[in-house]
Amino acid sequence: MADHEDQPLRTLIVDDEPLAVERMQVICAKLPELAVVGTASDGAAALRLVEALEPDLVLLDMTMPEADGLSVARALARRSRRPAVIFVTAHDHFAVEAFDLDAVDYVLKPVAHERLSRAIERAISRRTQPARAESRWLTELWVPHRSELLRIEVDQIDRVDAERDYVRLHLGDRSYLLLQTIAGLEERLDPAAFIRVHRSTILRKDRIRGLRHDGLGVWSAELEGGEAVRIGRTYLPKVKAMAGR
């Protein structure tokens, strides 16, 4: 990142659509926090320009021929001096993978000036923050909501329910759909905090008030709000072990 915190972010725009690059240049020109130093139309060119220009920020399209945005971001993550990355894409289903790469934000096309401005504020705030500690467990997620993606803390999630190829994340009285299988999400959630109790349900451990035997070998997990969630037979031994039974 730049040596002086009050300097504009030296920015590289990467997109294989000329009109998208042009639109992004127009938006960036209205943001005094940015100074566009170059553009690239594919992943290989982007990596060459990052090596030559050492930008502070890369506005990175997700879907490009040959090396896509995720591949570019993975390559950047291996650099000792890596730029911040904001994904700019028409697709919302890469949000989990993007967060794994410690991207600053994930902005959906068509890009609005206000939305990009908020993403830039996050990039600037990172200048004074220590790098995020490496962890195999998710700590935050982006979820689609209306015309953008919201960043949520994983420790706000009370429950996860499978809905075909999606999962529904429950946070108090709110819920959000995320394109992700429940098995895939389970692998990324800290097992110290979450437990799968059914093929279609994951619960946050500290939201479980107790276990209830309903007879005939059927058990349920009682939640703080009084709701009972049936425990699948496959998952019952692990749930009982959690409760010390």
Protein backbone atom coordinates (compact mmCIF):
# COMPACT_ATOMS: atom_id res chain seq x y z
CA MET A 1 0.00 0.00 0.00
CA ALA A 2 1.05 3.61 -0.33
CA ASP A 3 3.67 4.97 2.04
CA HIS A 4 1.53 7.97 3.02
CA GLU A 5 -1.96 7.35 4.28
CA ASP A 6 -3.28 10.63 2.87
CA GLN A 7 -2.19 9.80 -0.70
CA PRO A 8 -4.77 8.56 -3.26
CA LEU A 9 -4.88 4.82 -3.78
CA ARG A 10 -2.94 3.94 -6.92
CA THR A 11 -5.55 1.84 -8.70
CA LEU A 12 -5.49 -0.77 -11.46
CA ILE A 13 -8.75 -1.61 -13.26
CA VAL A 14 -9.03 -5.17 -14.61
CA ASP A 15 -11.97 -6.13 -16.85
CA ASP A 16 -12.25 -7.83 -20.23
CA GLU A 17 -15.18 -5.63 -21.33
CA PRO A 18 -14.03 -2.27 -22.77
CA LEU A 19 -17.29 -0.55 -21.88
CA ALA A 20 -17.01 -1.77 -18.29
CA VAL A 21 -13.47 -0.40 -18.08
CA GLU A 22 -14.63 2.92 -19.47
CA ARG A 23 -17.51 3.12 -17.01
CA MET A 24 -15.21 2.31 -14.11
CA GLN A 25 -12.74 4.98 -15.21
CA VAL A 26 -15.52 7.56 -15.23
CA ILE A 27 -16.63 6.57 -11.73
CA CYS A 28 -13.06 6.52 -10.42
CA ALA A 29 -12.39 9.97 -11.85
CA LYS A 30 -15.08 11.31 -9.50
CA LEU A 31 -13.44 9.77 -6.44
CA PRO A 32 -10.52 11.89 -5.20
CA GLU A 33 -9.35 8.98 -3.05
CA LEU A 34 -8.30 7.12 -6.21
CA ALA A 35 -5.66 7.62 -8.89
CA VAL A 36 -6.05 5.17 -11.79
CA VAL A 37 -2.56 4.12 -12.95
CA GLY A 38 -3.54 1.51 -15.55
CA THR A 39 -6.07 -0.91 -16.98
CA ALA A 40 -5.86 -4.55 -18.05
CA SER A 41 -8.23 -6.72 -20.08
CA ASP A 42 -7.12 -10.15 -18.86
CA GLY A 43 -5.55 -11.85 -15.89
CA ALA A 44 -2.06 -12.28 -17.32
CA ALA A 45 -1.84 -8.59 -18.24
CA ALA A 46 -3.12 -7.68 -14.80
CA LEU A 47 -0.33 -9.59 -13.08
CA ARG A 48 2.30 -8.02 -15.36
CA LEU A 49 1.00 -4.53 -14.58
CA VAL A 50 0.87 -5.22 -10.85
CA GLU A 51 4.54 -6.21 -11.04
CA ALA A 52 5.43 -3.07 -13.01
CA LEU A 53 3.19 -0.48 -11.34
CA GLU A 54 2.81 -1.82 -7.78
CA PRO A 55 -0.72 -0.42 -7.33
CA ASP A 56 -2.32 -0.06 -3.91
CA LEU A 57 -5.68 -1.32 -5.15
CA VAL A 58 -6.97 -3.61 -7.90
CA LEU A 59 -10.60 -3.34 -9.08
CA LEU A 60 -10.90 -6.88 -10.38
CA ASP A 61 -13.54 -8.44 -12.61
CA MET A 62 -14.39 -12.01 -11.60
CA THR A 63 -15.06 -13.66 -14.98
CA MET A 64 -12.38 -13.28 -17.65
CA PRO A 65 -10.92 -15.60 -20.29
CA GLU A 66 -8.00 -17.81 -19.28
CA ALA A 67 -7.01 -16.53 -15.79
CA ASP A 68 -10.19 -15.42 -14.01
CA GLY A 69 -10.45 -12.99 -11.12
CA LEU A 70 -10.05 -15.66 -8.44
CA SER A 71 -6.85 -16.93 -10.09
CA VAL A 72 -5.45 -13.41 -10.24
CA ALA A 73 -6.36 -12.76 -6.60
CA ARG A 74 -4.67 -16.00 -5.52
CA ALA A 75 -1.50 -14.95 -7.34
CA LEU A 76 -1.62 -11.51 -5.72
CA ALA A 77 -2.08 -13.07 -2.28
CA ARG A 78 1.33 -14.75 -2.65
CA ARG A 79 3.11 -11.43 -3.16
CA SER A 80 5.03 -9.97 -0.23
CA ARG A 81 3.67 -6.55 -1.15
CA ARG A 82 0.17 -7.28 -2.33
CA PRO A 83 -2.44 -4.71 -3.31
CA ALA A 84 -5.91 -4.58 -1.82
CA VAL A 85 -8.52 -6.25 -4.03
CA ILE A 86 -12.12 -5.24 -4.66
CA PHE A 87 -14.00 -7.70 -6.85
CA VAL A 88 -16.33 -6.03 -9.35
CA THR A 89 -18.62 -8.55 -11.04
CA ALA A 90 -22.08 -9.33 -12.31
CA HIS A 91 -22.12 -12.62 -10.37
CA ASP A 92 -22.83 -13.05 -6.68
CA HIS A 93 -22.03 -16.76 -6.33
CA PHE A 94 -18.28 -16.35 -5.76
CA ALA A 95 -18.71 -14.54 -2.44
CA VAL A 96 -17.37 -17.33 -0.22
CA GLU A 97 -14.28 -17.91 -2.39
CA ALA A 98 -13.65 -14.18 -2.62
CA PHE A 99 -13.71 -13.76 1.14
CA ASP A 100 -11.22 -16.61 1.51
CA LEU A 101 -8.80 -14.41 -0.42
CA ASP A 102 -9.20 -11.52 2.03
CA ALA A 103 -10.73 -9.22 -0.55
CA VAL A 104 -11.76 -5.79 0.72
CA ASP A 105 -15.19 -5.93 -0.89
CA TYR A 106 -17.35 -7.55 -3.56
CA VAL A 107 -19.28 -5.03 -5.67
CA LEU A 108 -22.00 -6.08 -8.08
CA LYS A 109 -22.41 -4.66 -11.58
CA PRO A 110 -23.77 -2.30 -12.71
CA VAL A 111 -21.54 -0.42 -10.30
CA ALA A 112 -23.08 2.55 -8.54
CA HIS A 113 -20.88 5.49 -7.52
CA GLU A 114 -22.09 5.33 -3.91
CA ARG A 115 -21.47 1.60 -3.61
CA LEU A 116 -17.93 1.81 -4.98
CA SER A 117 -17.26 4.78 -2.70
CA ARG A 118 -18.14 2.65 0.34
CA ALA A 119 -15.83 -0.08 -0.87
CA ILE A 120 -13.01 2.45 -1.29
CA GLU A 121 -13.56 3.65 2.28
CA ARG A 122 -12.98 0.08 3.46
CA ALA A 123 -9.78 -0.13 1.43
CA ILE A 124 -8.52 3.11 2.94
CA SER A 125 -9.36 1.98 6.47
CA ARG A 126 -7.22 -1.11 5.95
CA ARG A 127 -4.15 1.08 5.56
CA THR A 128 -4.05 1.53 9.33
CA GLN A 129 -5.25 -1.96 10.28
CA PRO A 130 -2.98 -4.97 10.80
CA ALA A 131 -3.30 -7.76 8.25
CA ARG A 132 -6.02 -10.28 9.03
CA ALA A 133 -4.66 -13.36 10.74
CA GLU A 134 -4.69 -16.44 8.54
CA SER A 135 -7.48 -18.83 9.51
CA ARG A 136 -9.10 -21.79 7.84
CA TRP A 137 -12.45 -20.79 9.37
CA LEU A 138 -14.73 -18.15 7.95
CA THR A 139 -15.17 -15.06 10.10
CA GLU A 140 -17.28 -12.99 7.70
CA LEU A 141 -19.44 -13.57 4.63
CA TRP A 142 -20.96 -11.55 1.82
CA VAL A 143 -24.61 -12.33 1.16
CA PRO A 144 -26.81 -11.04 -1.69
CA HIS A 145 -29.39 -8.51 -0.57
CA ARG A 146 -31.43 -6.51 -3.08
CA SER A 147 -28.93 -5.06 -5.56
CA GLU A 148 -25.74 -5.49 -3.53
CA LEU A 149 -23.93 -7.81 -1.16
CA LEU A 150 -23.93 -7.33 2.59
CA ARG A 151 -21.01 -8.22 4.81
CA ILE A 152 -22.07 -10.20 7.88
CA GLU A 153 -20.11 -11.54 10.84
CA VAL A 154 -20.21 -15.33 11.05
CA ASP A 155 -20.64 -15.13 14.82
CA GLN A 156 -23.99 -13.42 14.20
CA ILE A 157 -25.36 -16.56 12.53
CA ASP A 158 -27.72 -18.56 14.73
CA ARG A 159 -28.67 -21.30 12.30
CA VAL A 160 -28.06 -22.52 8.75
CA ASP A 161 -30.73 -24.39 6.76
CA ALA A 162 -30.19 -26.13 3.42
CA GLU A 163 -32.47 -25.08 0.55
CA ARG A 164 -31.41 -27.15 -2.47
CA ASP A 165 -28.20 -25.58 -3.84
CA TYR A 166 -28.50 -22.70 -1.38
CA VAL A 167 -28.24 -22.23 2.36
CA ARG A 168 -30.40 -19.87 4.39
CA LEU A 169 -28.46 -18.01 7.08
CA HIS A 170 -30.56 -17.00 10.08
CA LEU A 171 -29.44 -13.98 12.10
CA GLY A 172 -32.06 -13.19 14.72
CA ASP A 173 -35.20 -12.11 12.87
CA ARG A 174 -33.32 -11.72 9.57
CA SER A 175 -32.35 -14.38 7.04
CA TYR A 176 -30.35 -14.41 3.81
CA LEU A 177 -29.91 -16.92 0.99
CA LEU A 178 -26.39 -17.80 -0.14
CA LEU A 179 -25.49 -19.94 -3.15
CA GLN A 180 -23.49 -22.59 -1.30
CA THR A 181 -24.10 -26.20 -0.28
CA ILE A 182 -24.53 -26.89 3.40
CA ALA A 183 -21.68 -29.43 3.26
CA GLY A 184 -19.36 -26.86 1.67
CA LEU A 185 -20.23 -24.23 4.27
CA GLU A 186 -19.88 -26.72 7.13
CA GLU A 187 -16.26 -27.31 6.10
CA ARG A 188 -15.53 -23.59 6.52
CA LEU A 189 -17.35 -23.00 9.83
CA ASP A 190 -15.39 -23.34 13.06
CA PRO A 191 -16.48 -26.65 14.68
CA ALA A 192 -15.83 -25.10 18.08
CA ALA A 193 -18.73 -22.73 17.40
CA PHE A 194 -21.06 -24.63 15.04
CA ILE A 195 -22.41 -28.17 14.87
CA ARG A 196 -24.41 -29.95 12.20
CA VAL A 197 -27.46 -31.62 13.75
CA HIS A 198 -29.25 -32.75 10.61
CA ARG A 199 -28.47 -33.18 6.92
CA SER A 200 -30.22 -29.85 6.35
CA THR A 201 -29.39 -27.93 9.56
CA ILE A 202 -26.33 -26.44 11.26
CA LEU A 203 -26.72 -24.73 14.64
CA ARG A 204 -24.54 -22.35 16.58
CA LYS A 205 -23.59 -24.26 19.71
CA ASP A 206 -24.21 -21.45 22.16
CA ARG A 207 -27.78 -21.07 20.86
CA ILE A 208 -28.64 -24.63 21.95
CA ARG A 209 -30.35 -24.60 25.35
CA GLY A 210 -30.58 -28.36 25.76
CA LEU A 211 -31.38 -31.74 24.24
CA ARG A 212 -34.75 -33.46 24.45
CA HIS A 213 -35.55 -37.15 24.01
CA ASP A 214 -38.86 -37.46 22.14
CA GLY A 215 -39.06 -41.24 22.37
CA LEU A 216 -38.31 -44.09 19.97
CA GLY A 217 -34.73 -42.89 19.64
CA VAL A 218 -35.76 -39.47 18.37
CA TRP A 219 -33.92 -36.45 19.83
CA SER A 220 -34.31 -32.71 19.37
CA ALA A 221 -32.15 -29.70 20.13
CA GLU A 222 -34.00 -27.00 22.07
CA LEU A 223 -32.98 -23.48 21.09
CA GLU A 224 -32.95 -20.30 23.16
CA GLY A 225 -36.24 -19.10 21.67
CA GLY A 226 -38.02 -22.33 22.59
CA GLU A 227 -37.91 -23.87 19.12
CA ALA A 228 -37.04 -27.57 18.83
CA VAL A 229 -34.90 -28.82 15.93
CA ARG A 230 -34.87 -32.53 15.21
CA ILE A 231 -31.46 -34.19 15.35
CA GLY A 232 -30.67 -36.63 12.54
CA ARG A 233 -29.58 -40.10 13.61
CA THR A 234 -26.27 -39.73 11.76
CA TYR A 235 -25.41 -36.61 13.75
CA LEU A 236 -26.80 -37.68 17.15
CA PRO A 237 -23.55 -39.19 18.56
CA LYS A 238 -21.61 -35.99 17.88
CA VAL A 239 -24.38 -33.81 19.36
CA LYS A 240 -24.54 -35.98 22.48
CA ALA A 241 -20.75 -35.82 22.80
CA MET A 242 -20.97 -32.03 22.66
CA ALA A 243 -23.42 -32.17 25.58
CA GLY A 244 -21.21 -34.60 27.49
CA ARG A 245 -23.70 -37.46 27.22
